[in-house]
Structure formats: C-alpha cells, structure tokens
C-alpha atoms as a PDB file:
ATOM      1  CA  MET A   1      37.133  32.830 -13.830  1.00  0.00           C
ATOM      2  CA  LEU A   2      36.694  29.124 -14.385  1.00  0.00           C
ATOM      3  CA  LYS A   3      40.393  28.773 -14.509  1.00  0.00           C
ATOM      4  CA  ARG A   4      41.225  30.730 -11.594  1.00  0.00           C
ATOM      5  CA  TYR A   5      38.775  28.476  -9.723  1.00  0.00           C
ATOM      6  CA  PHE A   6      40.400  25.349 -10.658  1.00  0.00           C
ATOM      7  CA  LYS A   7      43.944  26.442  -9.929  1.00  0.00           C
ATOM      8  CA  ARG A   8      42.988  27.398  -6.500  1.00  0.00           C
ATOM      9  CA  ARG A   9      42.329  23.866  -5.721  1.00  0.00           C
ATOM     10  CA  ASP A  10      43.635  20.457  -6.959  1.00  0.00           C
ATOM     11  CA  ASN A  11      40.868  18.194  -6.326  1.00  0.00           C
ATOM     12  CA  PRO A  12      37.186  18.389  -8.207  1.00  0.00           C
ATOM     13  CA  TRP A  13      35.391  16.324  -5.993  1.00  0.00           C
ATOM     14  CA  GLU A  14      32.012  17.349  -7.106  1.00  0.00           C
ATOM     15  CA  ILE A  15      32.410  15.382 -10.031  1.00  0.00           C
ATOM     16  CA  LEU A  16      32.626  12.306  -7.581  1.00  0.00           C
ATOM     17  CA  VAL A  17      29.511  13.415  -5.957  1.00  0.00           C
ATOM     18  CA  ILE A  18      27.248  13.615  -9.299  1.00  0.00           C
ATOM     19  CA  ALA A  19      28.477  10.225 -10.227  1.00  0.00           C
ATOM     20  CA  ALA A  20      27.696   8.562  -7.451  1.00  0.00           C
ATOM     21  CA  LEU A  21      24.123  10.546  -7.932  1.00  0.00           C
ATOM     22  CA  PHE A  22      24.072   8.358 -11.399  1.00  0.00           C
ATOM     23  CA  PHE A  23      25.671   5.356  -9.768  1.00  0.00           C
ATOM     24  CA  PHE A  24      23.017   4.434  -6.884  1.00  0.00           C
ATOM     25  CA  PRO A  25      20.034   4.584  -8.605  1.00  0.00           C
ATOM     26  CA  GLY A  26      21.620   2.823 -11.963  1.00  0.00           C
ATOM     27  CA  VAL A  27      22.313  -0.004  -9.449  1.00  0.00           C
ATOM     28  CA  PHE A  28      19.124  -0.342  -7.734  1.00  0.00           C
ATOM     29  CA  MET A  29      17.806  -0.294 -11.348  1.00  0.00           C
ATOM     30  CA  LEU A  30      20.160  -3.046 -12.457  1.00  0.00           C
ATOM     31  CA  PHE A  31      19.003  -5.540  -9.569  1.00  0.00           C
ATOM     32  CA  GLN A  32      15.608  -4.262  -9.999  1.00  0.00           C
ATOM     33  CA  ARG A  33      13.145  -7.471  -9.978  1.00  0.00           C
ATOM     34  CA  GLY A  34       9.681  -7.246 -11.928  1.00  0.00           C
ATOM     35  CA  PRO A  35       8.117  -3.634 -13.110  1.00  0.00           C
ATOM     36  CA  LEU A  36       9.504  -0.734 -11.147  1.00  0.00           C
ATOM     37  CA  VAL A  37       6.929   1.980  -9.905  1.00  0.00           C
ATOM     38  CA  ALA A  38       7.581   5.494  -9.697  1.00  0.00           C
ATOM     39  CA  VAL A  39       4.920   8.107  -8.138  1.00  0.00           C
ATOM     40  CA  GLN A  40       5.228  11.798  -8.325  1.00  0.00           C
ATOM     41  CA  GLN A  41       3.350  14.231  -6.336  1.00  0.00           C
ATOM     42  CA  GLY A  42       2.133  17.692  -6.705  1.00  0.00           C
ATOM     43  CA  TYR A  43       4.131  19.488  -9.783  1.00  0.00           C
ATOM     44  CA  ARG A  44       2.566  22.089 -11.970  1.00  0.00           C
ATOM     45  CA  TYR A  45       4.583  23.479 -14.739  1.00  0.00           C
ATOM     46  CA  THR A  46       2.904  26.123 -16.506  1.00  0.00           C
ATOM     47  CA  TRP A  47      -0.561  27.696 -17.821  1.00  0.00           C
ATOM     48  CA  LEU A  48      -2.347  25.066 -19.717  1.00  0.00           C
ATOM     49  CA  SER A  49      -0.357  22.269 -19.329  1.00  0.00           C
ATOM     50  CA  PRO A  50      -1.336  19.197 -17.695  1.00  0.00           C
ATOM     51  CA  SER A  51      -0.422  18.315 -14.170  1.00  0.00           C
ATOM     52  CA  MET A  52       2.496  16.189 -13.737  1.00  0.00           C
ATOM     53  CA  GLU A  53       0.954  13.973 -11.001  1.00  0.00           C
ATOM     54  CA  GLY A  54       0.648  10.220 -11.405  1.00  0.00           C
ATOM     55  CA  VAL A  55       2.383   6.862 -11.410  1.00  0.00           C
ATOM     56  CA  THR A  56       4.571   5.683 -14.085  1.00  0.00           C
ATOM     57  CA  ALA A  57       5.617   2.076 -14.615  1.00  0.00           C
ATOM     58  CA  ILE A  58       8.861   0.585 -16.461  1.00  0.00           C
ATOM     59  CA  SER A  59       9.301  -2.678 -17.240  1.00  0.00           C
ATOM     60  CA  GLU A  60      12.018  -4.906 -15.719  1.00  0.00           C
ATOM     61  CA  HIS A  61      13.994  -5.023 -19.094  1.00  0.00           C
ATOM     62  CA  GLY A  62      14.025  -0.942 -19.022  1.00  0.00           C
ATOM     63  CA  ALA A  63      14.531  -0.610 -15.596  1.00  0.00           C
ATOM     64  CA  HIS A  64      17.844  -2.637 -16.659  1.00  0.00           C
ATOM     65  CA  VAL A  65      18.428  -0.579 -19.543  1.00  0.00           C
ATOM     66  CA  PHE A  66      18.181   2.921 -17.605  1.00  0.00           C
ATOM     67  CA  GLY A  67      20.361   1.350 -15.161  1.00  0.00           C
ATOM     68  CA  GLY A  68      23.304   0.484 -17.347  1.00  0.00           C
ATOM     69  CA  LEU A  69      22.720   3.721 -18.904  1.00  0.00           C
ATOM     70  CA  ALA A  70      23.292   5.331 -15.416  1.00  0.00           C
ATOM     71  CA  ILE A  71      26.053   3.059 -14.691  1.00  0.00           C
ATOM     72  CA  GLY A  72      27.701   4.616 -18.039  1.00  0.00           C
ATOM     73  CA  VAL A  73      27.017   8.008 -17.532  1.00  0.00           C
ATOM     74  CA  CYS A  74      28.719   7.313 -13.513  1.00  0.00           C
ATOM     75  CA  LEU A  75      31.957   5.622 -15.780  1.00  0.00           C
ATOM     76  CA  ALA A  76      32.503   8.647 -17.947  1.00  0.00           C
ATOM     77  CA  LEU A  77      31.945  10.896 -15.155  1.00  0.00           C
ATOM     78  CA  LEU A  78      34.747   8.924 -13.016  1.00  0.00           C
ATOM     79  CA  TRP A  79      36.849   8.984 -16.440  1.00  0.00           C
ATOM     80  CA  LEU A  80      36.449  12.593 -16.353  1.00  0.00           C
ATOM     81  CA  TYR A  81      37.439  13.310 -12.830  1.00  0.00           C
ATOM     82  CA  PHE A  82      40.598  11.329 -13.269  1.00  0.00           C
ATOM     83  CA  CYS A  83      41.459  13.291 -16.181  1.00  0.00           C
ATOM     84  CA  LEU A  84      41.264  16.280 -14.387  1.00  0.00           C
ATOM     85  CA  ARG A  85      43.169  15.323 -11.425  1.00  0.00           C
ATOM     86  CA  ARG A  86      45.744  14.426 -14.008  1.00  0.00           C
ATOM     87  CA  MET A  87      45.595  17.613 -15.674  1.00  0.00           C
ATOM     88  CA  LEU A  88      45.534  19.820 -12.347  1.00  0.00           C
ATOM     89  CA  GLY A  89      48.716  17.470 -11.331  1.00  0.00           C
ATOM     90  CA  ARG A  90      51.088  18.606 -14.325  1.00  0.00           C
ATOM     91  CA  THR A  91      50.348  22.333 -13.831  1.00  0.00           C
ATOM     92  CA  HIS A  92      53.119  24.236 -12.574  1.00  0.00           C
ATOM     93  CA  VAL A  93      52.323  26.360 -10.336  1.00  0.00           C
ATOM     94  CA  VAL A  94      54.923  29.141  -8.576  1.00  0.00           C
ATOM     95  CA  GLU A  95      53.520  30.328  -5.080  1.00  0.00           C
ATOM     96  CA  HIS A  96      55.693  32.759  -3.014  1.00  0.00           C
ATOM     97  CA  GLY A  97      58.954  31.744  -4.733  1.00  0.00           C
ATOM     98  CA  HIS A  98      58.308  28.272  -4.295  1.00  0.00           C
ATOM     99  CA  GLU A  99      57.461  25.709  -7.161  1.00  0.00           C
ATOM    100  CA  ARG A 100      54.799  23.711  -6.732  1.00  0.00           C
ATOM    101  CA  ILE A 101      53.948  20.337  -8.147  1.00  0.00           C
END
C-alpha cells in the first residue's frame, strides 16, 4: 500500500513539514537566554495517575542541548527527504506507453 502511494507522487513534502516542527522550536531553544519555563494546563492521563498540570523549568544549558538535538533531528529528516527524492527520481515508470523519468 505504501509503495503504491509513493509511486503515485514524486514529492514527499510532508517530511519537510515534520522537519520544520523540529527546526523552529530548536532554533528558539538555541537562542534562549536564561531558564526556559513551560506551562501545561489541564491534562489528565488515566485512573490513579497524577494530573500533569504544572510548570516546568529548563536551565539555559539544558535548553541549548535540547535545541541542538531538535536541529539534529531536523537535519536527519532533511537528509531523508533528499534521499527519498533521489530514490523516487530514479524509479522508471511507464504510463500509457510513454516513459516518465
């Protein structure tokens, strides 16, 4: 099923969207000065588990480490995108008697 889906189209742009979801918070964390504060509101998990509401603080160094990791994931996804483009460009498909490269 996945093979048919990728044969039908030549541009896996969704991977770029996922890479952007890692890139922008990563850049924000890399340029962060001082502690990073995150607030989560109203999340209940399951029976007998504590509520996940609260405030979380990450040090400046921790924010830089997580930002670097997020940029690394973004670069890995970009590499995957270009590898998929190259692989999809090399496939030889014949449609209605005409060759498409």
